[in-house]
Protein backbone atom coordinates (compact mmCIF):
# COMPACT_ATOMS: atom_id res chain seq x y z
CA MET A 1 2.51 -24.46 12.88
CA ALA A 2 -0.87 -22.50 12.77
CA ILE A 3 -2.19 -20.66 9.58
CA LEU A 4 -0.88 -17.31 10.15
CA SER A 5 2.75 -18.12 11.35
CA THR A 6 3.10 -20.79 8.00
CA LEU A 7 1.98 -17.89 5.66
CA LEU A 8 4.34 -15.36 7.23
CA TRP A 9 7.32 -17.58 7.76
CA THR A 10 7.06 -19.08 4.51
CA PRO A 11 8.54 -15.99 2.88
CA ALA A 12 11.00 -15.96 5.06
CA ALA A 13 12.10 -20.02 4.50
CA GLY A 14 12.23 -18.77 0.91
CA ALA A 15 14.66 -16.25 1.61
CA LEU A 16 16.93 -19.08 3.56
CA VAL A 17 16.72 -21.80 1.09
CA LEU A 18 18.05 -19.26 -1.72
CA VAL A 19 21.01 -18.50 0.30
CA LEU A 20 21.99 -22.05 -0.23
CA ILE A 21 21.65 -21.88 -3.67
CA PRO A 22 24.85 -21.33 -5.89
CA ALA A 23 24.94 -17.50 -7.35
CA HIS A 24 24.95 -18.80 -10.78
CA ARG A 25 22.01 -20.92 -10.59
CA ALA A 26 20.21 -17.74 -12.03
CA GLN A 27 17.26 -20.06 -13.27
CA ALA A 28 17.26 -22.11 -9.75
CA VAL A 29 16.39 -18.98 -7.98
CA ARG A 30 14.11 -17.90 -9.44
CA LEU A 31 12.19 -20.69 -9.59
CA ALA A 32 12.64 -21.17 -5.76
CA ALA A 33 11.31 -17.61 -5.10
CA ASN A 34 8.31 -17.64 -7.32
CA LEU A 35 7.52 -21.10 -5.80
CA PHE A 36 7.45 -19.95 -2.41
CA ALA A 37 6.00 -16.67 -3.09
CA ALA A 38 2.86 -18.45 -4.71
CA ALA A 39 2.68 -20.67 -1.38
CA ALA A 40 2.43 -17.87 0.45
CA LEU A 41 -0.11 -16.04 -2.20
CA ILE A 42 -2.02 -20.11 -1.56
CA LEU A 43 -2.27 -19.25 2.28
CA ALA A 44 -3.81 -16.01 1.71
CA CYS A 45 -6.44 -17.67 -0.21
CA LEU A 46 -7.40 -20.30 2.61
CA LEU A 47 -7.56 -17.34 4.68
CA LEU A 48 -9.77 -15.50 3.26
CA ALA A 49 -11.54 -19.27 2.84
CA ARG A 50 -11.38 -19.75 6.51
CA TYR A 51 -12.54 -15.96 7.59
CA ASP A 52 -15.87 -15.56 9.10
CA ALA A 53 -16.94 -11.88 7.66
CA ALA A 54 -19.90 -11.56 9.95
CA ASP A 55 -17.47 -12.30 13.03
CA PRO A 56 -16.22 -8.46 13.81
CA ALA A 57 -13.87 -10.13 16.49
CA LEU A 58 -9.92 -10.53 15.60
CA GLN A 59 -10.09 -14.36 14.70
CA LEU A 60 -7.23 -17.21 13.54
CA THR A 61 -4.79 -15.52 16.55
CA GLU A 62 -2.40 -16.81 17.55
CA PHE A 63 -0.49 -15.35 21.72
CA TYR A 64 3.47 -16.70 22.85
CA PRO A 65 4.60 -14.73 25.23
CA LEU A 66 8.19 -12.98 24.73
CA ASN A 67 8.75 -10.83 27.74
CA PRO A 68 6.35 -11.15 30.95
CA LYS A 69 7.60 -8.67 32.45
CA LEU A 70 7.69 -5.90 29.79
CA GLY A 71 3.98 -7.49 28.13
CA SER A 72 5.12 -8.20 24.91
CA ALA A 73 4.24 -11.00 22.93
CA TYR A 74 4.40 -12.59 19.52
CA ALA A 75 0.80 -11.85 18.98
CA LEU A 76 -0.91 -12.57 15.64
CA GLY A 77 -4.53 -12.35 14.50
CA ILE A 78 -6.80 -10.49 11.56
CA ASP A 79 -10.19 -9.15 10.69
CA GLY A 80 -11.77 -7.04 8.52
CA LEU A 81 -8.73 -4.72 7.63
CA SER A 82 -5.81 -6.53 7.40
CA LEU A 83 -7.47 -8.91 5.57
CA PRO A 84 -7.81 -7.43 2.15
CA MET A 85 -3.82 -5.80 2.90
CA LEU A 86 -2.55 -9.93 3.54
CA ILE A 87 -3.54 -11.25 0.09
CA LEU A 88 -2.85 -7.80 -1.69
CA ALA A 89 0.61 -8.08 -0.53
CA ALA A 90 0.96 -11.86 -1.72
CA LEU A 91 -0.39 -11.28 -4.85
CA LEU A 92 1.86 -8.16 -5.57
CA THR A 93 5.37 -10.07 -4.37
CA SER A 94 4.17 -12.89 -7.07
CA ILE A 95 3.60 -10.34 -9.43
CA SER A 96 6.70 -8.27 -8.21
CA LEU A 97 8.53 -11.62 -8.89
CA ILE A 98 6.89 -12.38 -12.46
CA ALA A 99 8.00 -8.55 -13.63
CA SER A 100 11.83 -9.14 -12.35
CA PHE A 101 12.78 -11.90 -15.43
CA SER A 102 14.35 -9.36 -17.72
CA LEU A 103 17.10 -8.72 -13.95
CA ALA A 104 20.45 -10.17 -15.23
CA ASP A 105 22.53 -9.23 -12.23
CA GLY A 106 22.53 -10.23 -8.85
CA VAL A 107 19.49 -12.27 -9.56
CA LYS A 108 20.30 -14.05 -6.14
CA GLY A 109 20.31 -11.26 -4.03
CA TYR A 110 17.72 -8.98 -5.65
CA HIS A 111 15.32 -12.14 -4.68
CA ILE A 112 16.38 -12.35 -1.08
CA CYS A 113 15.33 -9.02 -0.67
CA ILE A 114 12.13 -9.41 -2.16
CA LEU A 115 11.10 -12.24 -0.01
CA LEU A 116 12.35 -10.53 3.00
CA LEU A 117 9.98 -7.37 1.72
CA GLU A 118 7.07 -9.54 2.01
CA PHE A 119 8.46 -11.11 5.14
CA GLY A 120 8.16 -8.12 7.20
CA MET A 121 4.90 -6.82 4.98
CA LEU A 122 2.75 -9.75 6.58
CA GLY A 123 4.47 -9.21 9.71
CA VAL A 124 3.26 -5.48 9.26
CA PHE A 125 -0.88 -6.58 8.89
CA MET A 126 -0.63 -9.55 10.95
CA ALA A 127 0.94 -8.43 14.69
CA GLN A 128 -1.69 -7.39 17.27
CA ASP A 129 1.33 -6.95 19.69
CA TRP A 130 2.91 -2.98 18.98
CA ALA A 131 6.37 -4.17 19.68
CA LEU A 132 6.06 -6.87 17.56
CA PHE A 133 4.18 -4.05 14.89
CA TYR A 134 7.54 -2.03 15.39
CA ILE A 135 9.58 -4.74 14.64
CA PHE A 136 8.20 -5.67 11.40
CA TRP A 137 7.59 -2.28 10.42
CA GLU A 138 11.11 -1.60 10.36
CA VAL A 139 12.11 -5.14 8.60
CA THR A 140 11.12 -3.58 5.83
CA LEU A 141 13.00 -1.12 5.79
CA ILE A 142 16.37 -2.99 5.19
CA PRO A 143 15.83 -5.12 1.98
CA LEU A 144 13.94 -2.09 0.28
CA PHE A 145 16.85 -0.23 0.97
CA PHE A 146 19.18 -2.36 -0.96
CA LEU A 147 16.51 -2.97 -3.71
CA ILE A 148 16.43 1.11 -4.79
CA ASP A 149 20.89 0.94 -4.27
CA ARG A 150 22.17 -2.17 -5.53
CA TRP A 151 18.97 -1.94 -8.71
CA GLY A 152 17.74 1.26 -8.94
CA GLY A 153 18.14 3.64 -11.50
CA LYS A 154 21.10 6.70 -12.03
CA ARG A 155 20.55 8.36 -8.48
CA ARG A 156 19.60 4.97 -7.09
CA HIS A 157 22.38 5.93 -4.27
CA ALA A 158 20.36 9.72 -3.59
CA ALA A 159 16.91 7.64 -3.21
CA SER A 160 17.72 4.78 -1.07
CA LEU A 161 19.28 7.26 1.58
CA ASN A 162 16.42 10.01 1.09
CA PHE A 163 14.31 6.87 1.43
CA VAL A 164 15.81 6.15 4.82
CA LEU A 165 16.28 8.96 6.22
CA TYR A 166 12.79 10.03 5.82
CA THR A 167 11.52 6.28 7.11
CA MET A 168 13.64 6.36 9.94
CA GLY A 169 12.85 9.96 11.19
CA GLY A 170 8.96 8.86 11.10
CA SER A 171 9.86 5.86 12.83
CA VAL A 172 11.44 8.06 15.77
CA PHE A 173 8.26 9.59 16.08
CA MET A 174 6.02 6.75 16.29
CA LEU A 175 8.04 5.17 19.11
CA LEU A 176 7.83 7.91 21.13
CA SER A 177 3.75 8.19 20.92
CA LEU A 178 4.14 3.65 21.61
CA LEU A 179 6.48 4.89 24.43
CA ALA A 180 4.18 7.75 25.79
CA ILE A 181 0.94 5.39 25.94
CA SER A 182 3.18 2.47 27.71
CA GLN A 183 3.43 5.48 30.62
CA TYR A 184 -0.54 4.55 31.30
CA ASP A 185 -0.65 0.95 31.03
CA LEU A 186 -2.13 1.08 34.61
CA GLN A 187 -2.61 -3.18 34.65
CA ASN A 188 0.75 -2.99 33.29
CA GLN A 189 -0.45 -5.45 29.82
CA GLY A 190 1.89 -4.73 27.66
CA SER A 191 2.53 -3.37 24.65
CA LEU A 192 -0.92 -5.72 22.67
CA MET A 193 -2.90 -3.41 20.82
CA ALA A 194 -5.94 -3.80 22.99
CA SER A 195 -4.20 -3.04 26.14
CA MET A 196 -2.33 -0.11 24.61
CA GLY A 197 -5.77 1.40 23.63
CA GLN A 198 -6.96 0.35 27.14
CA ALA A 199 -3.85 2.96 28.14
CA ALA A 200 -4.46 5.71 25.81
CA GLN A 201 -8.00 6.96 27.09
CA ASN A 202 -6.08 7.29 30.68
CA MET A 203 -3.86 9.82 28.94
CA PRO A 204 -5.16 13.68 28.98
CA ALA A 205 -6.50 15.36 26.29
CA VAL A 206 -3.39 17.53 25.31
CA GLU A 207 -0.98 14.57 25.75
CA GLN A 208 -3.44 12.29 23.42
CA VAL A 209 -3.47 15.00 20.71
CA LEU A 210 0.43 15.14 20.82
CA VAL A 211 0.66 11.03 21.08
CA LEU A 212 -1.44 11.09 17.60
CA LEU A 213 0.29 14.07 16.16
CA GLY A 214 3.30 11.27 16.45
CA PHE A 215 1.86 8.88 15.05
CA LEU A 216 0.37 10.73 11.98
CA ILE A 217 3.77 12.04 11.26
CA GLY A 218 5.52 8.72 11.98
CA PHE A 219 2.30 6.50 9.77
CA GLY A 220 2.37 9.85 7.55
CA VAL A 221 5.59 9.70 6.02
CA LYS A 222 4.69 6.01 4.81
CA MET A 223 1.38 6.84 3.19
CA PRO A 224 2.79 9.64 2.53
CA ILE A 225 1.05 12.52 3.43
CA PHE A 226 1.90 16.20 2.62
CA PRO A 227 3.78 17.49 3.29
CA LEU A 228 5.89 14.56 4.13
CA HIS A 229 5.88 12.62 0.77
CA GLY A 230 9.37 14.03 -0.06
CA TRP A 231 10.84 11.10 -0.51
CA LEU A 232 7.91 9.11 -2.86
CA PRO A 233 8.99 10.62 -6.18
CA LEU A 234 12.26 9.93 -6.27
CA ALA A 235 12.65 6.76 -4.48
CA HIS A 236 9.72 5.29 -7.10
CA VAL A 237 11.44 6.77 -10.36
CA GLU A 238 14.72 5.25 -9.50
CA ALA A 239 13.71 2.25 -7.88
CA PRO A 240 13.52 -1.09 -10.23
CA SER A 241 9.39 -0.97 -11.76
CA ALA A 242 8.96 -4.81 -9.81
CA VAL A 243 9.99 -3.45 -6.74
CA SER A 244 7.56 -0.08 -7.16
CA ILE A 245 4.76 -2.44 -7.61
CA LEU A 246 5.95 -3.28 -3.76
CA LEU A 247 6.46 -0.18 -2.83
CA SER A 248 3.52 1.88 -3.95
CA GLY A 249 1.10 -1.23 -4.10
CA ILE A 250 1.95 -2.31 -0.40
CA LEU A 251 4.72 -0.36 1.21
CA LEU A 252 2.02 3.12 1.46
CA LYS A 253 -0.54 1.15 2.72
CA MET A 254 1.52 0.22 6.09
CA GLY A 255 0.97 3.74 6.52
CA ALA A 256 -2.14 3.59 6.38
CA TYR A 257 -3.07 0.36 8.48
CA GLY A 258 -0.99 2.07 11.29
CA LEU A 259 -2.45 5.40 11.02
CA LEU A 260 -6.17 3.85 11.25
CA ARG A 261 -5.24 1.22 14.02
CA SER A 262 -4.01 4.85 16.13
CA VAL A 263 -7.25 6.88 15.35
CA VAL A 264 -9.47 4.20 16.65
CA MET A 265 -6.74 3.95 19.85
CA LEU A 266 -7.01 7.38 19.95
CA PRO A 267 -10.48 9.21 19.01
CA VAL A 268 -10.58 11.96 21.56
CA ALA A 269 -7.41 13.20 19.94
CA ALA A 270 -8.60 12.23 16.00
CA GLN A 271 -11.53 14.05 17.24
CA LEU A 272 -9.99 16.84 18.25
CA ILE A 273 -7.57 17.37 15.27
CA GLN A 274 -10.70 16.57 12.49
CA PRO A 275 -9.87 19.59 10.36
CA LEU A 276 -6.45 19.21 10.17
CA LEU A 277 -6.66 15.88 8.95
CA MET A 278 -9.25 16.86 6.58
CA PHE A 279 -6.77 19.87 5.47
CA LEU A 280 -3.87 17.60 4.66
CA ALA A 281 -5.99 15.07 2.82
CA LEU A 282 -7.78 17.96 0.90
CA PHE A 283 -5.02 19.63 0.16
CA GLY A 284 -2.99 16.32 -0.50
CA MET A 285 -5.50 14.93 -3.23
CA VAL A 286 -5.47 18.68 -5.38
CA TYR A 287 -1.71 19.01 -5.02
CA GLY A 288 -0.91 15.44 -6.58
CA GLY A 289 -3.15 15.41 -8.49
CA LEU A 290 -1.66 18.58 -10.31
CA LEU A 291 1.96 17.47 -10.29
CA ALA A 292 1.10 14.46 -11.82
CA TRP A 293 -0.99 16.32 -14.57
CA ARG A 294 2.60 18.17 -15.35
CA GLN A 295 5.07 15.22 -15.15
CA PRO A 296 6.65 13.77 -18.75
CA ASP A 297 7.76 11.10 -16.46
CA MET A 298 5.25 8.28 -16.73
CA LYS A 299 6.63 6.49 -13.73
CA ALA A 300 7.03 10.25 -11.89
CA MET A 301 3.47 10.90 -13.15
CA VAL A 302 2.00 7.43 -11.19
CA ALA A 303 4.17 8.47 -8.11
CA TYR A 304 2.64 11.87 -7.60
CA SER A 305 -0.77 10.19 -8.52
CA SER A 306 -0.35 7.91 -5.35
CA LEU A 307 -0.05 11.04 -3.30
CA SER A 308 -2.85 11.79 -4.65
CA HIS A 309 -4.86 8.72 -3.86
CA MET A 310 -3.64 7.97 -1.03
CA GLY A 311 -5.33 11.37 0.58
CA VAL A 312 -8.64 10.06 -0.32
CA VAL A 313 -7.71 7.25 1.75
CA LEU A 314 -6.90 9.62 4.96
CA LEU A 315 -10.27 11.66 4.35
CA GLY A 316 -11.85 8.86 4.97
CA ILE A 317 -10.03 8.34 8.00
CA ALA A 318 -10.48 11.58 8.56
CA THR A 319 -14.24 11.01 8.31
CA LEU A 320 -14.60 9.06 11.01
CA ASN A 321 -17.76 7.38 10.41
CA GLN A 322 -18.68 4.24 8.73
CA THR A 323 -19.30 5.04 4.90
CA GLY A 324 -15.71 6.80 5.48
CA PHE A 325 -13.55 4.08 7.17
CA ILE A 326 -14.76 1.84 4.55
CA GLY A 327 -13.94 4.08 1.64
CA ALA A 328 -10.63 4.22 2.87
CA ILE A 329 -10.20 0.64 3.30
CA LEU A 330 -11.69 -0.11 -0.57
CA GLN A 331 -9.12 3.03 -1.61
CA MET A 332 -6.19 0.89 0.37
CA THR A 333 -7.61 -1.78 -1.97
CA ALA A 334 -8.03 -0.11 -5.69
CA HIS A 335 -5.06 1.66 -5.32
CA GLY A 336 -2.98 -1.22 -4.38
CA LEU A 337 -4.10 -2.79 -7.65
CA ILE A 338 -4.30 -0.11 -9.90
CA ALA A 339 -0.80 1.14 -9.25
CA GLY A 340 0.32 -1.99 -9.46
CA ALA A 341 -0.68 -1.87 -12.66
CA LEU A 342 0.54 1.05 -13.70
CA PHE A 343 3.99 0.71 -12.63
CA LEU A 344 3.75 -2.64 -14.24
CA LEU A 345 3.04 -1.82 -17.41
CA VAL A 346 5.39 1.13 -16.68
CA GLY A 347 7.84 -0.95 -16.26
CA LEU A 348 7.54 -3.19 -19.62
CA LEU A 349 7.27 -0.65 -21.91
CA TYR A 350 10.92 1.32 -20.77
CA GLU A 351 12.45 -2.48 -20.81
CA ARG A 352 11.32 -2.46 -24.58
CA THR A 353 11.64 1.36 -25.49
CA HIS A 354 13.83 2.69 -22.66
CA THR A 355 12.44 5.83 -21.76
CA ARG A 356 9.81 6.84 -20.12
CA ASN A 357 9.17 10.70 -21.71
CA ILE A 358 5.92 9.99 -22.62
CA GLN A 359 6.05 13.01 -25.32
CA ASP A 360 8.58 9.72 -27.23
CA TYR A 361 5.17 7.90 -27.54
CA SER A 362 2.07 7.84 -30.11
CA SER A 363 -0.14 5.30 -31.52
CA LEU A 364 0.82 1.51 -29.62
CA VAL A 365 -2.66 0.60 -29.47
CA GLN A 366 -1.02 -0.20 -33.50
CA VAL A 367 2.02 -2.05 -32.46
CA MET A 368 0.89 -3.27 -28.79
CA PRO A 369 -2.95 -4.02 -29.10
CA ARG A 370 -2.20 -5.83 -25.95
CA PHE A 371 -0.57 -3.36 -24.02
CA ALA A 372 -2.96 -0.59 -24.42
CA GLY A 373 -6.14 -2.32 -23.77
CA LEU A 374 -4.55 -2.85 -19.55
CA ALA A 375 -3.09 -0.04 -20.08
CA THR A 376 -6.01 1.92 -20.47
CA LEU A 377 -8.28 0.42 -18.18
CA ALA A 378 -6.12 1.04 -15.77
CA LEU A 379 -5.67 4.63 -16.61
CA LEU A 380 -9.76 4.75 -16.23
CA ALA A 381 -9.64 3.16 -13.34
CA ALA A 382 -7.26 5.66 -11.78
CA MET A 383 -9.38 8.15 -12.58
CA GLY A 384 -12.38 6.44 -10.52
CA LEU A 385 -14.26 5.21 -14.14
CA PRO A 386 -17.44 3.67 -13.40
CA GLY A 387 -16.67 0.12 -13.29
CA SER A 388 -13.65 0.13 -11.80
CA ILE A 389 -12.61 -0.53 -7.86
CA GLY A 390 -11.32 2.71 -7.67
CA PHE A 391 -15.07 3.98 -8.05
CA VAL A 392 -16.14 2.60 -6.14
CA ALA A 393 -14.40 3.20 -3.08
CA GLU A 394 -14.23 6.99 -4.35
CA LEU A 395 -18.01 6.80 -4.50
CA HIS A 396 -17.70 5.79 -0.66
CA MET A 397 -15.39 8.31 0.20
CA LEU A 398 -17.70 11.54 -0.81
CA ILE A 399 -20.45 10.13 0.80
CA GLY A 400 -18.86 9.72 3.72
CA GLY A 401 -17.18 13.44 3.32
CA PHE A 402 -20.82 14.88 2.26
CA GLN A 403 -21.97 13.94 5.67
CA GLN A 404 -19.45 14.79 8.07
CA TRP A 405 -18.40 18.73 6.09
CA GLY A 406 -20.88 19.30 3.37
CA GLY A 407 -19.39 21.36 0.80
CA TRP A 408 -15.81 20.94 1.10
CA MET A 409 -16.29 18.15 -0.86
CA ALA A 410 -15.81 20.20 -3.83
CA PHE A 411 -12.45 20.07 -3.18
CA PHE A 412 -12.46 16.59 -3.50
CA SER A 413 -13.95 16.36 -7.27
CA LEU A 414 -11.72 18.71 -8.25
CA SER A 415 -9.05 16.56 -7.39
CA ILE A 416 -11.70 13.98 -9.78
CA LEU A 417 -11.09 16.39 -12.08
CA ILE A 418 -7.65 16.40 -12.58
CA SER A 419 -7.10 12.93 -12.34
CA ALA A 420 -9.41 12.52 -15.04
CA ALA A 421 -7.17 15.59 -16.83
CA TYR A 422 -3.64 13.36 -16.91
CA ALA A 423 -5.23 9.94 -17.55
CA MET A 424 -6.98 11.40 -20.68
CA ARG A 425 -3.69 13.02 -21.17
CA THR A 426 -1.52 10.05 -21.06
CA ILE A 427 -4.03 7.93 -23.09
CA GLY A 428 -4.02 10.47 -25.91
CA LEU A 429 0.46 11.08 -25.99
CA LEU A 430 0.52 6.72 -26.04
CA PHE A 431 -2.28 5.76 -27.95
CA THR A 432 -3.33 8.70 -30.78
CA GLY A 433 -1.35 10.39 -33.27
CA PRO A 434 1.02 8.39 -35.98
CA VAL A 435 3.16 5.85 -35.48
CA LYS A 436 6.67 7.09 -34.75
CA PRO A 437 9.38 5.52 -36.72
CA GLN A 438 11.06 4.23 -33.45
CA MET A 439 8.38 2.54 -31.77
CA ARG A 440 7.19 0.55 -35.39
CA ASP A 441 8.98 -2.93 -34.21
CA ILE A 442 8.14 -2.78 -30.33
CA ALA A 443 7.00 -6.86 -29.53
CA ASP A 444 3.92 -7.38 -27.51
CA LEU A 445 3.34 -8.52 -23.75
CA THR A 446 4.26 -11.80 -23.41
CA PRO A 447 2.38 -14.73 -22.07
CA PRO A 448 4.31 -14.27 -19.03
CA GLU A 449 3.47 -10.48 -18.66
CA LEU A 450 -0.06 -10.83 -19.74
CA VAL A 451 -1.07 -12.84 -17.32
CA ALA A 452 0.21 -10.78 -14.57
CA SER A 453 -1.29 -7.53 -15.82
CA ALA A 454 -4.12 -9.46 -16.45
CA VAL A 455 -4.81 -10.59 -13.29
CA LEU A 456 -4.35 -6.84 -11.17
CA VAL A 457 -6.56 -5.06 -14.29
CA GLY A 458 -8.55 -8.05 -13.94
CA CYS A 459 -9.50 -7.49 -10.30
CA ILE A 460 -9.97 -4.09 -10.79
CA VAL A 461 -12.93 -4.60 -13.58
CA VAL A 462 -14.62 -7.45 -10.67
CA PHE A 463 -13.98 -5.82 -8.09
CA GLY A 464 -15.28 -2.58 -9.65
CA LEU A 465 -18.52 -4.51 -11.00
CA LEU A 466 -19.25 -6.55 -7.79
CA PRO A 467 -18.15 -4.87 -5.00
CA ALA A 468 -20.46 -6.22 -2.91
CA PRO A 469 -17.67 -9.15 -1.13
CA LEU A 470 -15.34 -6.75 -0.46
CA ILE A 471 -17.51 -4.28 1.07
CA GLU A 472 -19.01 -7.54 3.64
CA LEU A 473 -15.17 -8.41 4.65
CA SER A 474 -14.41 -5.64 5.81
CA SER A 475 -17.85 -3.91 7.22
CA ALA A 476 -18.45 -6.49 10.36
CA SER A 477 -14.48 -4.71 11.25
CA VAL A 478 -15.65 -1.55 10.36
CA GLY A 479 -18.58 -1.49 12.88
CA ARG A 480 -16.54 -3.28 16.01
CA MET A 481 -13.63 -0.14 15.52
CA LEU A 482 -16.42 2.50 15.39
CA ALA A 483 -18.42 1.24 18.01
CA VAL A 484 -15.37 1.27 20.43
CA ILE A 485 -14.84 4.59 18.80
CA GLY A 486 -18.15 5.83 20.20
CA GLU A 487 -17.46 4.12 23.79
CA ARG A 488 -13.89 6.05 23.83
CA LEU A 489 -15.71 8.82 23.00
CA LEU A 490 -18.62 9.38 25.72
């Protein structure tokens, strides 16, 4: 079996193995799930070793026809856009399983759902056939629904239902757009991404705009972008913290990934609605930052900050230039690491104190110095402090946006100031002032928790100080995408 298929089916095989393990053997279930997740992470790292960053074409491709009459196929491949997301998905899945060791109820079902969720996420980033992409997209919905509804907080039923309705509603628009493009596939090559891109060029400009708007709604729900973000705060707050790591770190990136592919497929429409994309991005950045600023619940604060940070990704996609595209990919990676670290640390703190209200804390630096150091670095990275991957991504976005729109980037600067405000407020309330009596005996991070947190924060700092390898990983693929856009705009 080729390496992409091996990576893809490893978590699915893990879920099948867990089905065979008796439910009362919780430790065996945990061990097996972690081993399969670790195997997927090792395979993803092997992909990195075999990937040629200088080659802009799809690499390690696999193609097996499924339905020749419809043109659908089991088609896998990776490029500089999908590879960082694959590694991030495998890494955050392992982190989320480490963060789930305290789970005591329904251990077997929980770990099966996590592995099935990883299977769907990996499939989305590998699929080179739109029908296959859509199947994997929907596969992620099922385990995530159960993870929120079964193991979530007090309002978990409303949160899971809200998430499903929003996502399925968006998927309908995505499916309609794919069907509309397929009607113009004159060569009848089916649903492969390359052939669908060629078919899209046969559509009138008005229809291209309508199709791209359908994709914008479908992928915009998952990103999310304003005003399609209604499911986000409730789902994040009610989901288990380990699930929030995947929900924010990877699931949101699936929407951005799909939208970026759609813009390359429909550049004429993207150019026509470019002002709309820019407005939604800038408004979402400021709006999300303001909502995060006023949240007393730390998980809600991180959730609304995700709305602001994904607005940065949308802005990069809207620039239609190389600096903006690279900035969007960097921001997708940066936000996955930063949000993953913050949700992990907030979840670990909640397990010890059973409160997420930021007003209940003070001077944790004296009680939990390891936690305080890692949380401070993660919050500083969220505001784009130089030396963090967040700064590198936002600098690319600022330059790319200024090249395209000039003075409109003042709103981008405003969103950065708002991010700094809620990050510094959080640091001040958590780690300064007198120690409250009820917080004197909180245990600091255990060695496994410290390793998991340090890996994410370490990646944030290392890629912030040495961003060149991460940029070079995507540069050739971005150049190819922009060349395709240039050809289709002629």
